PDB file of N, CA and C in Angstrom:
ATOM      1  N   UNK A   1    -111.281  28.792 184.812  1.00  0.00           N
ATOM      2  CA  UNK A   1    -110.576  29.261 183.645  1.00  0.00           C
ATOM      3  C   UNK A   1    -111.351  30.371 182.941  1.00  0.00           C
ATOM      4  N   UNK A   2    -112.664  30.271 182.953  1.00  0.00           N
ATOM      5  CA  UNK A   2    -113.479  31.296 182.317  1.00  0.00           C
ATOM      6  C   UNK A   2    -113.332  32.625 183.060  1.00  0.00           C
ATOM      7  N   UNK A   3    -113.121  32.559 184.355  1.00  0.00           N
ATOM      8  CA  UNK A   3    -112.935  33.772 185.150  1.00  0.00           C
ATOM      9  C   UNK A   3    -111.723  34.552 184.663  1.00  0.00           C
ATOM     10  N   UNK A   4    -110.614  33.868 184.456  1.00  0.00           N
ATOM     11  CA  UNK A   4    -109.396  34.540 183.985  1.00  0.00           C
ATOM     12  C   UNK A   4    -109.611  35.137 182.601  1.00  0.00           C
ATOM     13  N   UNK A   5    -110.330  34.446 181.762  1.00  0.00           N
ATOM     14  CA  UNK A   5    -110.611  34.950 180.425  1.00  0.00           C
ATOM     15  C   UNK A   5    -111.446  36.227 180.494  1.00  0.00           C
ATOM     16  N   UNK A   6    -112.413  36.256 181.374  1.00  0.00           N
ATOM     17  CA  UNK A   6    -113.245  37.448 181.534  1.00  0.00           C
ATOM     18  C   UNK A   6    -112.429  38.609 182.099  1.00  0.00           C
ATOM     19  N   UNK A   7    -111.517  38.305 183.001  1.00  0.00           N
ATOM     20  CA  UNK A   7    -110.665  39.353 183.565  1.00  0.00           C
ATOM     21  C   UNK A   7    -109.746  39.942 182.494  1.00  0.00           C
ATOM     22  N   UNK A   8    -109.224  39.083 181.625  1.00  0.00           N
ATOM     23  CA  UNK A   8    -108.395  39.578 180.527  1.00  0.00           C
ATOM     24  C   UNK A   8    -109.223  40.428 179.566  1.00  0.00           C
ATOM     25  N   UNK A   9    -110.484  40.070 179.361  1.00  0.00           N
ATOM     26  CA  UNK A   9    -111.360  40.862 178.504  1.00  0.00           C
ATOM     27  C   UNK A   9    -111.605  42.240 179.114  1.00  0.00           C
ATOM     28  N   UNK A  10    -111.746  42.292 180.436  1.00  0.00           N
ATOM     29  CA  UNK A  10    -111.917  43.581 181.112  1.00  0.00           C
ATOM     30  C   UNK A  10    -110.671  44.445 180.944  1.00  0.00           C
ATOM     31  N   UNK A  11    -109.498  43.831 181.048  1.00  0.00           N
ATOM     32  CA  UNK A  11    -108.250  44.568 180.863  1.00  0.00           C
ATOM     33  C   UNK A  11    -108.169  45.132 179.453  1.00  0.00           C
ATOM     34  N   UNK A  12    -108.559  44.336 178.486  1.00  0.00           N
ATOM     35  CA  UNK A  12    -108.538  44.781 177.098  1.00  0.00           C
ATOM     36  C   UNK A  12    -109.504  45.945 176.885  1.00  0.00           C
ATOM     37  N   UNK A  13    -110.676  45.854 177.472  1.00  0.00           N
ATOM     38  CA  UNK A  13    -111.662  46.926 177.358  1.00  0.00           C
ATOM     39  C   UNK A  13    -111.124  48.224 177.974  1.00  0.00           C
ATOM     40  N   UNK A  14    -110.441  48.115 179.092  1.00  0.00           N
ATOM     41  CA  UNK A  14    -109.858  49.293 179.737  1.00  0.00           C
ATOM     42  C   UNK A  14    -108.794  49.930 178.844  1.00  0.00           C
ATOM     43  N   UNK A  15    -107.958  49.099 178.210  1.00  0.00           N
ATOM     44  CA  UNK A  15    -106.928  49.644 177.322  1.00  0.00           C
ATOM     45  C   UNK A  15    -107.557  50.335 176.108  1.00  0.00           C
ATOM     46  N   UNK A  16    -108.607  49.733 175.566  1.00  0.00           N
ATOM     47  CA  UNK A  16    -109.295  50.346 174.426  1.00  0.00           C
ATOM     48  C   UNK A  16    -109.935  51.665 174.832  1.00  0.00           C
ATOM     49  N   UNK A  17    -110.537  51.695 176.004  1.00  0.00           N
ATOM     50  CA  UNK A  17    -111.174  52.915 176.491  1.00  0.00           C
ATOM     51  C   UNK A  17    -110.148  54.019 176.716  1.00  0.00           C
ATOM     52  N   UNK A  18    -108.949  53.642 177.127  1.00  0.00           N
ATOM     53  CA  UNK A  18    -107.893  54.633 177.354  1.00  0.00           C
ATOM     54  C   UNK A  18    -107.550  55.371 176.067  1.00  0.00           C
ATOM     55  N   UNK A  19    -107.653  54.697 174.942  1.00  0.00           N
ATOM     56  CA  UNK A  19    -107.377  55.336 173.664  1.00  0.00           C
ATOM     57  C   UNK A  19    -108.466  56.353 173.298  1.00  0.00           C
ATOM     58  N   UNK A  20    -109.695  56.089 173.712  1.00  0.00           N
ATOM     59  CA  UNK A  20    -110.800  56.989 173.403  1.00  0.00           C
ATOM     60  C   UNK A  20    -110.937  58.142 174.389  1.00  0.00           C
ATOM     61  N   UNK A  21    -110.448  57.948 175.605  1.00  0.00           N
ATOM     62  CA  UNK A  21    -110.556  58.971 176.649  1.00  0.00           C
ATOM     63  C   UNK A  21    -109.167  59.328 177.167  1.00  0.00           C
ATOM     64  N   UNK A  22    -108.418  60.120 176.417  1.00  0.00           N
ATOM     65  CA  UNK A  22    -107.038  60.421 176.812  1.00  0.00           C
ATOM     66  C   UNK A  22    -106.927  61.130 178.155  1.00  0.00           C
ATOM     67  N   UNK A  23    -107.952  61.871 178.543  1.00  0.00           N
ATOM     68  CA  UNK A  23    -107.891  62.559 179.828  1.00  0.00           C
ATOM     69  C   UNK A  23    -107.982  61.587 181.002  1.00  0.00           C
ATOM     70  N   UNK A  24    -108.496  60.398 180.766  1.00  0.00           N
ATOM     71  CA  UNK A  24    -108.598  59.377 181.816  1.00  0.00           C
ATOM     72  C   UNK A  24    -107.682  58.184 181.547  1.00  0.00           C
ATOM     73  N   UNK A  25    -106.782  58.314 180.573  1.00  0.00           N
ATOM     74  CA  UNK A  25    -105.986  57.162 180.147  1.00  0.00           C
ATOM     75  C   UNK A  25    -105.153  56.569 181.282  1.00  0.00           C
ATOM     76  N   UNK A  26    -104.565  57.420 182.131  1.00  0.00           N
ATOM     77  CA  UNK A  26    -103.735  56.891 183.226  1.00  0.00           C
ATOM     78  C   UNK A  26    -104.561  56.017 184.162  1.00  0.00           C
ATOM     79  N   UNK A  27    -105.804  56.451 184.429  1.00  0.00           N
ATOM     80  CA  UNK A  27    -106.680  55.694 185.317  1.00  0.00           C
ATOM     81  C   UNK A  27    -107.100  54.373 184.671  1.00  0.00           C
ATOM     82  N   UNK A  28    -107.459  54.432 183.401  1.00  0.00           N
ATOM     83  CA  UNK A  28    -107.909  53.234 182.696  1.00  0.00           C
ATOM     84  C   UNK A  28    -106.775  52.236 182.486  1.00  0.00           C
ATOM     85  N   UNK A  29    -105.572  52.722 182.215  1.00  0.00           N
ATOM     86  CA  UNK A  29    -104.436  51.815 182.060  1.00  0.00           C
ATOM     87  C   UNK A  29    -104.066  51.169 183.383  1.00  0.00           C
ATOM     88  N   UNK A  30    -104.215  51.911 184.479  1.00  0.00           N
ATOM     89  CA  UNK A  30    -103.978  51.328 185.807  1.00  0.00           C
ATOM     90  C   UNK A  30    -105.009  50.242 186.095  1.00  0.00           C
ATOM     91  N   UNK A  31    -106.258  50.488 185.704  1.00  0.00           N
ATOM     92  CA  UNK A  31    -107.298  49.485 185.902  1.00  0.00           C
ATOM     93  C   UNK A  31    -107.035  48.248 185.040  1.00  0.00           C
ATOM     94  N   UNK A  32    -106.538  48.459 183.829  1.00  0.00           N
ATOM     95  CA  UNK A  32    -106.194  47.330 182.964  1.00  0.00           C
ATOM     96  C   UNK A  32    -105.106  46.483 183.608  1.00  0.00           C
ATOM     97  N   UNK A  33    -104.114  47.146 184.198  1.00  0.00           N
ATOM     98  CA  UNK A  33    -103.049  46.415 184.882  1.00  0.00           C
ATOM     99  C   UNK A  33    -103.608  45.622 186.057  1.00  0.00           C
ATOM    100  N   UNK A  34    -104.570  46.201 186.777  1.00  0.00           N
ATOM    101  CA  UNK A  34    -105.224  45.505 187.887  1.00  0.00           C
ATOM    102  C   UNK A  34    -105.912  44.224 187.399  1.00  0.00           C
ATOM    103  N   UNK A  35    -106.679  44.337 186.298  1.00  0.00           N
ATOM    104  CA  UNK A  35    -107.385  43.165 185.781  1.00  0.00           C
ATOM    105  C   UNK A  35    -106.415  42.092 185.302  1.00  0.00           C
ATOM    106  N   UNK A  36    -105.306  42.495 184.674  1.00  0.00           N
ATOM    107  CA  UNK A  36    -104.292  41.523 184.239  1.00  0.00           C
ATOM    108  C   UNK A  36    -103.698  40.806 185.452  1.00  0.00           C
ATOM    109  N   UNK A  37    -103.442  41.568 186.516  1.00  0.00           N
ATOM    110  CA  UNK A  37    -102.895  40.976 187.743  1.00  0.00           C
ATOM    111  C   UNK A  37    -103.883  39.970 188.328  1.00  0.00           C
ATOM    112  N   UNK A  38    -105.159  40.338 188.354  1.00  0.00           N
ATOM    113  CA  UNK A  38    -106.181  39.431 188.890  1.00  0.00           C
ATOM    114  C   UNK A  38    -106.300  38.167 188.036  1.00  0.00           C
ATOM    115  N   UNK A  39    -106.196  38.304 186.716  1.00  0.00           N
ATOM    116  CA  UNK A  39    -106.268  37.145 185.823  1.00  0.00           C
ATOM    117  C   UNK A  39    -105.078  36.215 186.064  1.00  0.00           C
ATOM    118  N   UNK A  40    -103.895  36.794 186.236  1.00  0.00           N
ATOM    119  CA  UNK A  40    -102.710  35.981 186.504  1.00  0.00           C
ATOM    120  C   UNK A  40    -102.844  35.245 187.831  1.00  0.00           C
ATOM    121  N   UNK A  41    -103.383  35.929 188.826  1.00  0.00           N
ATOM    122  CA  UNK A  41    -103.587  35.298 190.136  1.00  0.00           C
ATOM    123  C   UNK A  41    -104.593  34.157 190.040  1.00  0.00           C
ATOM    124  N   UNK A  42    -105.659  34.351 189.254  1.00  0.00           N
ATOM    125  CA  UNK A  42    -106.665  33.298 189.076  1.00  0.00           C
ATOM    126  C   UNK A  42    -106.064  32.086 188.373  1.00  0.00           C
ATOM    127  N   UNK A  43    -105.223  32.332 187.364  1.00  0.00           N
ATOM    128  CA  UNK A  43    -104.571  31.221 186.661  1.00  0.00           C
ATOM    129  C   UNK A  43    -103.601  30.484 187.568  1.00  0.00           C
ATOM    130  N   UNK A  44    -102.884  31.226 188.396  1.00  0.00           N
ATOM    131  CA  UNK A  44    -101.945  30.592 189.328  1.00  0.00           C
ATOM    132  C   UNK A  44    -102.696  29.722 190.325  1.00  0.00           C
ATOM    133  N   UNK A  45    -103.789  30.239 190.847  1.00  0.00           N
ATOM    134  CA  UNK A  45    -104.589  29.468 191.797  1.00  0.00           C
ATOM    135  C   UNK A  45    -105.146  28.206 191.134  1.00  0.00           C
ATOM    136  N   UNK A  46    -105.637  28.361 189.917  1.00  0.00           N
ATOM    137  CA  UNK A  46    -106.175  27.198 189.188  1.00  0.00           C
ATOM    138  C   UNK A  46    -105.067  26.169 188.937  1.00  0.00           C
ATOM    139  N   UNK A  47    -103.889  26.649 188.586  1.00  0.00           N
ATOM    140  CA  UNK A  47    -102.762  25.755 188.332  1.00  0.00           C
ATOM    141  C   UNK A  47    -102.383  24.975 189.588  1.00  0.00           C
ATOM    142  N   UNK A  48    -102.387  25.661 190.718  1.00  0.00           N
ATOM    143  CA  UNK A  48    -102.073  24.985 191.985  1.00  0.00           C
ATOM    144  C   UNK A  48    -103.112  23.919 192.310  1.00  0.00           C
ATOM    145  N   UNK A  49    -104.389  24.231 192.060  1.00  0.00           N
ATOM    146  CA  UNK A  49    -105.454  23.256 192.309  1.00  0.00           C
ATOM    147  C   UNK A  49    -105.294  22.041 191.403  1.00  0.00           C
ATOM    148  N   UNK A  50    -104.958  22.267 190.146  1.00  0.00           N
ATOM    149  CA  UNK A  50    -104.772  21.161 189.203  1.00  0.00           C
ATOM    150  C   UNK A  50    -103.576  20.303 189.607  1.00  0.00           C
ATOM    151  N   UNK A  51    -102.529  20.941 190.102  1.00  0.00           N
ATOM    152  CA  UNK A  51    -101.343  20.204 190.526  1.00  0.00           C
ATOM    153  C   UNK A  51    -101.666  19.317 191.726  1.00  0.00           C
ATOM    154  N   UNK A  52    -102.481  19.833 192.648  1.00  0.00           N
ATOM    155  CA  UNK A  52    -102.876  19.044 193.820  1.00  0.00           C
ATOM    156  C   UNK A  52    -103.702  17.835 193.409  1.00  0.00           C
ATOM    157  N   UNK A  53    -104.674  18.080 192.515  1.00  0.00           N
ATOM    158  CA  UNK A  53    -105.581  17.023 192.095  1.00  0.00           C
ATOM    159  C   UNK A  53    -104.961  16.105 191.056  1.00  0.00           C
ATOM    160  N   UNK A  54    -104.010  16.621 190.267  1.00  0.00           N
ATOM    161  CA  UNK A  54    -103.368  15.878 189.181  1.00  0.00           C
ATOM    162  C   UNK A  54    -104.387  15.312 188.207  1.00  0.00           C
ATOM    163  N   UNK A  55    -105.478  16.029 188.033  1.00  0.00           N
ATOM    164  CA  UNK A  55    -106.528  15.589 187.111  1.00  0.00           C
ATOM    165  C   UNK A  55    -106.929  16.718 186.180  1.00  0.00           C
ATOM    166  N   UNK A  56    -105.987  17.491 185.737  1.00  0.00           N
ATOM    167  CA  UNK A  56    -106.280  18.594 184.832  1.00  0.00           C
ATOM    168  C   UNK A  56    -106.573  18.001 183.445  1.00  0.00           C
ATOM    169  N   UNK A  57    -107.698  18.358 182.869  1.00  0.00           N
ATOM    170  CA  UNK A  57    -108.103  17.805 181.585  1.00  0.00           C
ATOM    171  C   UNK A  57    -107.354  18.455 180.434  1.00  0.00           C
ATOM    172  N   UNK A  58    -107.437  17.837 179.268  1.00  0.00           N
ATOM    173  CA  UNK A  58    -106.813  18.416 178.079  1.00  0.00           C
ATOM    174  C   UNK A  58    -107.425  19.781 177.783  1.00  0.00           C
ATOM    175  N   UNK A  59    -108.742  19.906 177.964  1.00  0.00           N
ATOM    176  CA  UNK A  59    -109.429  21.176 177.716  1.00  0.00           C
ATOM    177  C   UNK A  59    -108.890  22.256 178.642  1.00  0.00           C
ATOM    178  N   UNK A  60    -108.680  21.899 179.880  1.00  0.00           N
ATOM    179  CA  UNK A  60    -108.153  22.842 180.859  1.00  0.00           C
ATOM    180  C   UNK A  60    -106.745  23.266 180.466  1.00  0.00           C
ATOM    181  N   UNK A  61    -105.906  22.355 180.058  1.00  0.00           N
ATOM    182  CA  UNK A  61    -104.536  22.668 179.666  1.00  0.00           C
ATOM    183  C   UNK A  61    -104.518  23.563 178.435  1.00  0.00           C
ATOM    184  N   UNK A  62    -105.359  23.268 177.457  1.00  0.00           N
ATOM    185  CA  UNK A  62    -105.411  24.094 176.255  1.00  0.00           C
ATOM    186  C   UNK A  62    -105.868  25.503 176.595  1.00  0.00           C
ATOM    187  N   UNK A  63    -106.853  25.624 177.470  1.00  0.00           N
ATOM    188  CA  UNK A  63    -107.350  26.942 177.845  1.00  0.00           C
ATOM    189  C   UNK A  63    -106.300  27.748 178.578  1.00  0.00           C
ATOM    190  N   UNK A  64    -105.560  27.101 179.470  1.00  0.00           N
ATOM    191  CA  UNK A  64    -104.549  27.834 180.217  1.00  0.00           C
ATOM    192  C   UNK A  64    -103.421  28.277 179.300  1.00  0.00           C
ATOM    193  N   UNK A  65    -103.082  27.463 178.293  1.00  0.00           N
ATOM    194  CA  UNK A  65    -102.052  27.873 177.336  1.00  0.00           C
ATOM    195  C   UNK A  65    -102.514  29.074 176.529  1.00  0.00           C
ATOM    196  N   UNK A  66    -103.787  29.098 176.152  1.00  0.00           N
ATOM    197  CA  UNK A  66    -104.324  30.230 175.409  1.00  0.00           C
ATOM    198  C   UNK A  66    -104.293  31.497 176.249  1.00  0.00           C
ATOM    199  N   UNK A  67    -104.629  31.362 177.520  1.00  0.00           N
ATOM    200  CA  UNK A  67    -104.686  32.529 178.391  1.00  0.00           C
ATOM    201  C   UNK A  67    -103.309  33.039 178.780  1.00  0.00           C
ATOM    202  N   UNK A  68    -102.311  32.198 178.707  1.00  0.00           N
ATOM    203  CA  UNK A  68    -100.978  32.612 179.105  1.00  0.00           C
ATOM    204  C   UNK A  68    -100.249  33.354 177.992  1.00  0.00           C
ATOM    205  N   UNK A  69    -100.859  33.458 176.801  1.00  0.00           N
ATOM    206  CA  UNK A  69    -100.232  34.195 175.720  1.00  0.00           C
ATOM    207  C   UNK A  69    -100.123  35.654 176.121  1.00  0.00           C
ATOM    208  N   UNK A  70     -99.012  36.295 175.806  1.00  0.00           N
ATOM    209  CA  UNK A  70     -98.854  37.699 176.188  1.00  0.00           C
ATOM    210  C   UNK A  70     -99.898  38.577 175.506  1.00  0.00           C
ATOM    211  N   UNK A  71    -100.403  39.534 176.253  1.00  0.00           N
ATOM    212  CA  UNK A  71    -101.391  40.461 175.736  1.00  0.00           C
ATOM    213  C   UNK A  71    -100.690  41.728 175.268  1.00  0.00           C
ATOM    214  N   UNK A  72    -101.186  42.276 174.171  1.00  0.00           N
ATOM    215  CA  UNK A  72    -100.617  43.518 173.684  1.00  0.00           C
ATOM    216  C   UNK A  72    -101.079  44.639 174.599  1.00  0.00           C
ATOM    217  N   UNK A  73    -100.142  45.422 175.060  1.00  0.00           N
ATOM    218  CA  UNK A  73    -100.485  46.517 175.953  1.00  0.00           C
ATOM    219  C   UNK A  73    -100.351  47.844 175.226  1.00  0.00           C
ATOM    220  N   UNK A  74    -101.082  48.805 175.695  1.00  0.00           N
ATOM    221  CA  UNK A  74    -101.037  50.133 175.113  1.00  0.00           C
ATOM    222  C   UNK A  74     -99.958  50.928 175.822  1.00  0.00           C
ATOM    223  N   UNK A  75     -99.050  51.453 175.064  1.00  0.00           N
ATOM    224  CA  UNK A  75     -98.013  52.312 175.598  1.00  0.00           C
ATOM    225  C   UNK A  75     -98.618  53.693 175.796  1.00  0.00           C
ATOM    226  N   UNK A  76     -98.242  54.392 176.849  1.00  0.00           N
ATOM    227  CA  UNK A  76     -98.799  55.714 177.091  1.00  0.00           C
ATOM    228  C   UNK A  76     -98.498  56.653 175.937  1.00  0.00           C
ATOM    229  N   UNK A  77     -97.449  56.374 175.160  1.00  0.00           N
ATOM    230  CA  UNK A  77     -97.123  57.206 174.006  1.00  0.00           C
ATOM    231  C   UNK A  77     -98.054  56.927 172.831  1.00  0.00           C
ATOM    232  N   UNK A  78     -98.776  55.789 172.871  1.00  0.00           N
ATOM    233  CA  UNK A  78     -99.684  55.440 171.796  1.00  0.00           C
ATOM    234  C   UNK A  78    -101.005  56.199 171.886  1.00  0.00           C
ATOM    235  N   UNK A  79    -101.317  56.725 173.054  1.00  0.00           N
ATOM    236  CA  UNK A  79    -102.588  57.431 173.238  1.00  0.00           C
ATOM    237  C   UNK A  79    -102.483  58.774 172.537  1.00  0.00           C
ATOM    238  N   UNK A  80    -103.444  59.033 171.667  1.00  0.00           N
ATOM    239  CA  UNK A  80    -103.428  60.262 170.889  1.00  0.00           C
ATOM    240  C   UNK A  80    -103.857  61.432 171.763  1.00  0.00           C
ATOM    241  N   UNK A  81    -103.063  62.463 171.769  1.00  0.00           N
ATOM    242  CA  UNK A  81    -103.364  63.642 172.562  1.00  0.00           C
ATOM    243  C   UNK A  81    -103.620  64.821 171.617  1.00  0.00           C
ATOM    244  N   UNK A  82    -104.527  65.667 172.026  1.00  0.00           N
ATOM    245  CA  UNK A  82    -104.857  66.855 171.262  1.00  0.00           C
ATOM    246  C   UNK A  82    -104.073  68.019 171.857  1.00  0.00           C
ATOM    247  N   UNK A  83    -103.340  68.714 171.017  1.00  0.00           N
ATOM    248  CA  UNK A  83    -102.541  69.852 171.483  1.00  0.00           C
ATOM    249  C   UNK A  83    -103.469  71.019 171.796  1.00  0.00           C
ATOM    250  N   UNK A  84    -103.248  71.621 172.935  1.00  0.00           N
ATOM    251  CA  UNK A  84    -104.036  72.784 173.338  1.00  0.00           C
ATOM    252  C   UNK A  84    -103.193  74.029 173.067  1.00  0.00           C
ATOM    253  N   UNK A  85    -103.762  74.950 172.296  1.00  0.00           N
ATOM    254  CA  UNK A  85    -103.005  76.158 171.939  1.00  0.00           C
ATOM    255  C   UNK A  85    -103.112  77.222 172.999  1.00  0.00           C
TER     256      UNK A  85
END
């Protein structure tokens, strides 16, 4: 579960960096999407393991609910661009 949380943190960092580096925003937003995909895959795998074992703890369930909350994403229109004259 901690792995998925770290992956979501990486995605968030990439989105924040995209706002600071508009020239690389497309690359950073793509990387953020990659990390979100990896986090979702890790949660799915963990969920399957818990279903097999049927011994998922309350702590595990609470953590997975926290991680499944939708993350705010940066829209490409939100990135501030400097007009070149």
